[in-house]
Amino acid sequence: GDTVWRYVTGGDSGVVEIAPHNGAHWYEAGQAMHQVVRSTNTGSSWAAIGQNLPEVCLLKSGEYMAAPLAKLAIDPVNTSRLLASCNGVWQGLPWTQVFVPPANDQPLAVAVGRTGISYAGTRGGKVFASADGTTWVGVFGLTTPAASSDIEPDPADAAVVYATFRTGANKVVRLTRAPGAALAY
């Protein structure tokens, strides 16, 4: 495609997402959800969309958090469905909390696969999944807890998801759901 780059927004960005079926819809979040914005015109203008997120998500006094918590994910089938991580998993717009992990854990990574299954990776080294967006089950856990850094569903195989964790060895895990299994990996 085009080899000419253009500046569209700036700041200490944490994540960028582009709607798969509408390339004009772009989302960007900074180090925390204090600067989550959306463009519906390929970056020509931006609007803040962080309303209804809790105060802790909207980092206002100071920046450069030790561990950025902002992750966004767009449902590849229902591109109007957006997930965000911040002391839980939030679905917007408007933002409503759809998942809080047990035992003081905290989601750091979110993803949605091509079949609509949602995933959340946590600070405690666990991966949770939801087929309906509201009922979440644990599908994986490291024996030695380490923070999740990313989750990516395999675009070619709906039964496979990859998760990365911040350990001394920066672990990558490939999870494969058994044929016919609901959310058991």
Protein backbone atom coordinates (compact mmCIF):
# COMPACT_ATOMS: atom_id res chain seq x y z
CA GLY A 1 0.00 0.00 0.00
CA ASP A 2 0.92 3.56 0.68
CA THR A 3 4.50 4.16 1.84
CA VAL A 4 3.81 7.71 3.02
CA TRP A 5 3.33 8.00 6.78
CA ARG A 6 1.35 10.80 8.40
CA TYR A 7 1.18 11.95 11.99
CA VAL A 8 -2.33 11.45 13.46
CA THR A 9 -1.96 11.62 17.27
CA GLY A 10 0.72 11.62 19.92
CA GLY A 11 1.49 10.90 23.53
CA ASP A 12 2.69 7.91 25.50
CA SER A 13 0.55 5.40 23.67
CA GLY A 14 -0.04 1.98 25.10
CA VAL A 15 -2.18 0.31 22.43
CA VAL A 16 -3.78 1.01 19.06
CA GLU A 17 -6.68 -0.97 17.55
CA ILE A 18 -8.28 -0.68 14.11
CA ALA A 19 -11.75 -2.12 13.48
CA PRO A 20 -11.27 -5.10 11.16
CA HIS A 21 -14.39 -4.52 9.02
CA ASN A 22 -14.25 -0.72 9.05
CA GLY A 23 -10.71 0.58 8.65
CA ALA A 24 -11.86 4.15 9.31
CA HIS A 25 -12.53 3.36 13.00
CA TRP A 26 -9.36 3.64 15.09
CA TYR A 27 -8.89 3.42 18.86
CA GLU A 28 -5.90 4.50 20.93
CA ALA A 29 -5.15 4.32 24.65
CA GLY A 30 -2.25 5.76 26.55
CA GLN A 31 -0.41 4.31 29.52
CA ALA A 32 -3.73 4.01 31.34
CA MET A 33 -7.29 4.63 30.24
CA HIS A 34 -6.91 8.35 30.92
CA GLN A 35 -6.50 8.99 27.22
CA VAL A 36 -8.60 6.37 25.45
CA VAL A 37 -9.84 7.99 22.24
CA ARG A 38 -11.63 7.00 19.04
CA SER A 39 -11.48 8.25 15.47
CA THR A 40 -14.20 7.39 12.95
CA ASN A 41 -12.41 9.10 10.05
CA THR A 42 -8.98 7.41 9.80
CA GLY A 43 -7.34 9.66 12.35
CA SER A 44 -8.43 13.08 11.07
CA SER A 45 -10.16 13.83 14.38
CA TRP A 46 -10.34 12.11 17.77
CA ALA A 47 -12.91 12.00 20.59
CA ALA A 48 -12.39 10.90 24.20
CA ILE A 49 -14.39 7.78 25.07
CA GLY A 50 -13.29 7.12 28.67
CA GLN A 51 -16.56 8.21 30.27
CA ASN A 52 -17.99 5.76 32.89
CA LEU A 53 -14.60 4.19 33.61
CA PRO A 54 -13.64 4.31 37.31
CA GLU A 55 -11.38 7.08 38.56
CA VAL A 56 -8.43 4.67 39.00
CA CYS A 57 -8.50 4.01 35.23
CA LEU A 58 -8.32 7.69 34.41
CA LEU A 59 -4.78 8.49 35.49
CA LYS A 60 -4.89 12.26 35.95
CA SER A 61 -2.10 13.28 38.30
CA GLY A 62 1.20 12.18 36.91
CA GLU A 63 2.23 9.74 34.27
CA TYR A 64 4.82 7.03 33.67
CA MET A 65 3.17 4.25 35.59
CA ALA A 66 5.51 1.38 36.43
CA ALA A 67 3.25 -1.11 34.64
CA PRO A 68 0.76 0.30 32.12
CA LEU A 69 -2.65 -1.28 32.56
CA ALA A 70 -4.44 -0.13 29.41
CA LYS A 71 -5.28 -2.77 26.85
CA LEU A 72 -8.03 -2.60 24.27
CA ALA A 73 -9.56 -5.30 22.09
CA ILE A 74 -12.13 -5.14 19.30
CA ASP A 75 -14.46 -8.06 18.66
CA PRO A 76 -13.59 -9.05 15.05
CA VAL A 77 -17.18 -10.18 14.41
CA ASN A 78 -19.10 -7.45 16.25
CA THR A 79 -16.79 -4.46 15.75
CA SER A 80 -19.00 -2.21 17.87
CA ARG A 81 -17.97 -4.36 20.88
CA LEU A 82 -14.85 -2.99 22.53
CA LEU A 83 -13.12 -4.47 25.63
CA ALA A 84 -10.67 -2.70 27.93
CA SER A 85 -8.65 -3.79 30.96
CA CYS A 86 -8.49 -1.67 34.09
CA ASN A 87 -9.04 -3.27 37.51
CA GLY A 88 -11.34 -5.65 35.66
CA VAL A 89 -12.56 -6.10 32.12
CA TRP A 90 -14.87 -3.40 30.79
CA GLN A 91 -17.11 -3.51 27.75
CA GLY A 92 -18.10 -0.29 26.03
CA LEU A 93 -19.60 2.00 24.89
CA PRO A 94 -20.96 3.02 27.41
CA TRP A 95 -18.43 1.23 29.60
CA THR A 96 -19.75 -1.45 31.94
CA GLN A 97 -17.68 -3.87 33.97
CA VAL A 98 -18.11 -7.48 32.78
CA PHE A 99 -15.36 -9.30 34.74
CA VAL A 100 -13.44 -9.01 38.00
CA PRO A 101 -10.96 -11.85 38.60
CA PRO A 102 -10.93 -13.57 41.98
CA ALA A 103 -8.44 -13.14 44.83
CA ASN A 104 -7.23 -9.58 44.19
CA ASP A 105 -5.88 -10.48 40.75
CA GLN A 106 -5.96 -7.88 37.98
CA PRO A 107 -6.50 -8.21 34.21
CA LEU A 108 -3.62 -6.79 32.19
CA ALA A 109 -4.39 -8.16 28.72
CA VAL A 110 -7.64 -8.63 26.81
CA ALA A 111 -8.49 -10.15 23.44
CA VAL A 112 -11.46 -11.38 21.42
CA GLY A 113 -11.20 -14.27 18.99
CA ARG A 114 -12.96 -14.60 15.64
CA THR A 115 -15.71 -16.71 17.24
CA GLY A 116 -16.48 -13.99 19.81
CA ILE A 117 -14.75 -15.69 22.75
CA SER A 118 -13.23 -13.08 25.07
CA TYR A 119 -9.94 -13.62 26.93
CA ALA A 120 -8.31 -11.88 29.89
CA GLY A 121 -4.75 -12.46 31.10
CA THR A 122 -3.98 -11.41 34.68
CA ARG A 123 -1.18 -10.11 36.86
CA GLY A 124 -1.23 -13.48 38.69
CA GLY A 125 -0.44 -15.53 35.55
CA LYS A 126 -3.94 -16.75 34.79
CA VAL A 127 -6.02 -16.74 31.61
CA PHE A 128 -9.81 -16.48 31.79
CA ALA A 129 -12.25 -16.91 28.89
CA SER A 130 -15.88 -16.06 28.24
CA ALA A 131 -18.13 -17.30 25.45
CA ASP A 132 -20.94 -14.86 26.27
CA GLY A 133 -18.96 -11.85 27.55
CA THR A 134 -20.35 -12.10 31.08
CA THR A 135 -19.59 -15.59 32.45
CA TRP A 136 -15.82 -16.05 32.79
CA VAL A 137 -13.95 -19.29 33.56
CA GLY A 138 -10.30 -19.93 34.31
CA VAL A 139 -8.68 -21.83 31.44
CA PHE A 140 -4.97 -21.61 32.34
CA GLY A 141 -2.66 -20.71 35.18
CA LEU A 142 1.12 -20.63 35.51
CA THR A 143 2.55 -22.67 38.38
CA THR A 144 4.69 -19.66 39.36
CA PRO A 145 2.63 -16.47 38.97
CA ALA A 146 3.87 -13.93 36.44
CA ALA A 147 2.06 -11.00 34.88
CA SER A 148 0.31 -11.53 31.56
CA SER A 149 1.58 -9.14 28.90
CA ASP A 150 -0.53 -10.10 25.88
CA ILE A 151 -3.11 -12.52 24.54
CA GLU A 152 -3.62 -13.22 20.83
CA PRO A 153 -6.19 -15.64 19.39
CA ASP A 154 -4.87 -17.56 16.39
CA PRO A 155 -6.50 -15.99 13.30
CA ALA A 156 -6.52 -19.33 11.45
CA ASP A 157 -7.60 -21.70 14.25
CA ALA A 158 -10.38 -20.65 16.64
CA ALA A 159 -9.35 -23.36 19.12
CA VAL A 160 -5.87 -21.84 19.67
CA VAL A 161 -4.85 -18.78 21.68
CA TYR A 162 -1.36 -17.52 22.57
CA ALA A 163 -0.54 -15.81 25.86
CA THR A 164 2.68 -14.15 26.94
CA PHE A 165 3.87 -13.63 30.51
CA ARG A 166 6.59 -11.47 32.06
CA THR A 167 8.78 -14.05 33.73
CA GLY A 168 12.56 -14.30 33.88
CA ALA A 169 12.32 -16.22 30.60
CA ASN A 170 9.42 -14.16 29.10
CA LYS A 171 7.18 -17.17 28.66
CA VAL A 172 4.94 -17.73 25.60
CA VAL A 173 2.15 -20.28 26.04
CA ARG A 174 0.07 -21.89 23.27
CA LEU A 175 -3.35 -22.95 24.54
CA THR A 176 -5.36 -25.41 22.45
CA ARG A 177 -9.02 -26.15 23.20
CA ALA A 178 -9.95 -29.81 22.86
CA PRO A 179 -12.38 -30.55 19.99
CA GLY A 180 -15.95 -30.07 21.19
CA ALA A 181 -14.86 -28.58 24.51
CA ALA A 182 -16.68 -25.44 25.58
CA LEU A 183 -13.89 -23.39 27.21
CA ALA A 184 -11.57 -26.09 28.54
CA TYR A 185 -8.00 -25.85 27.26
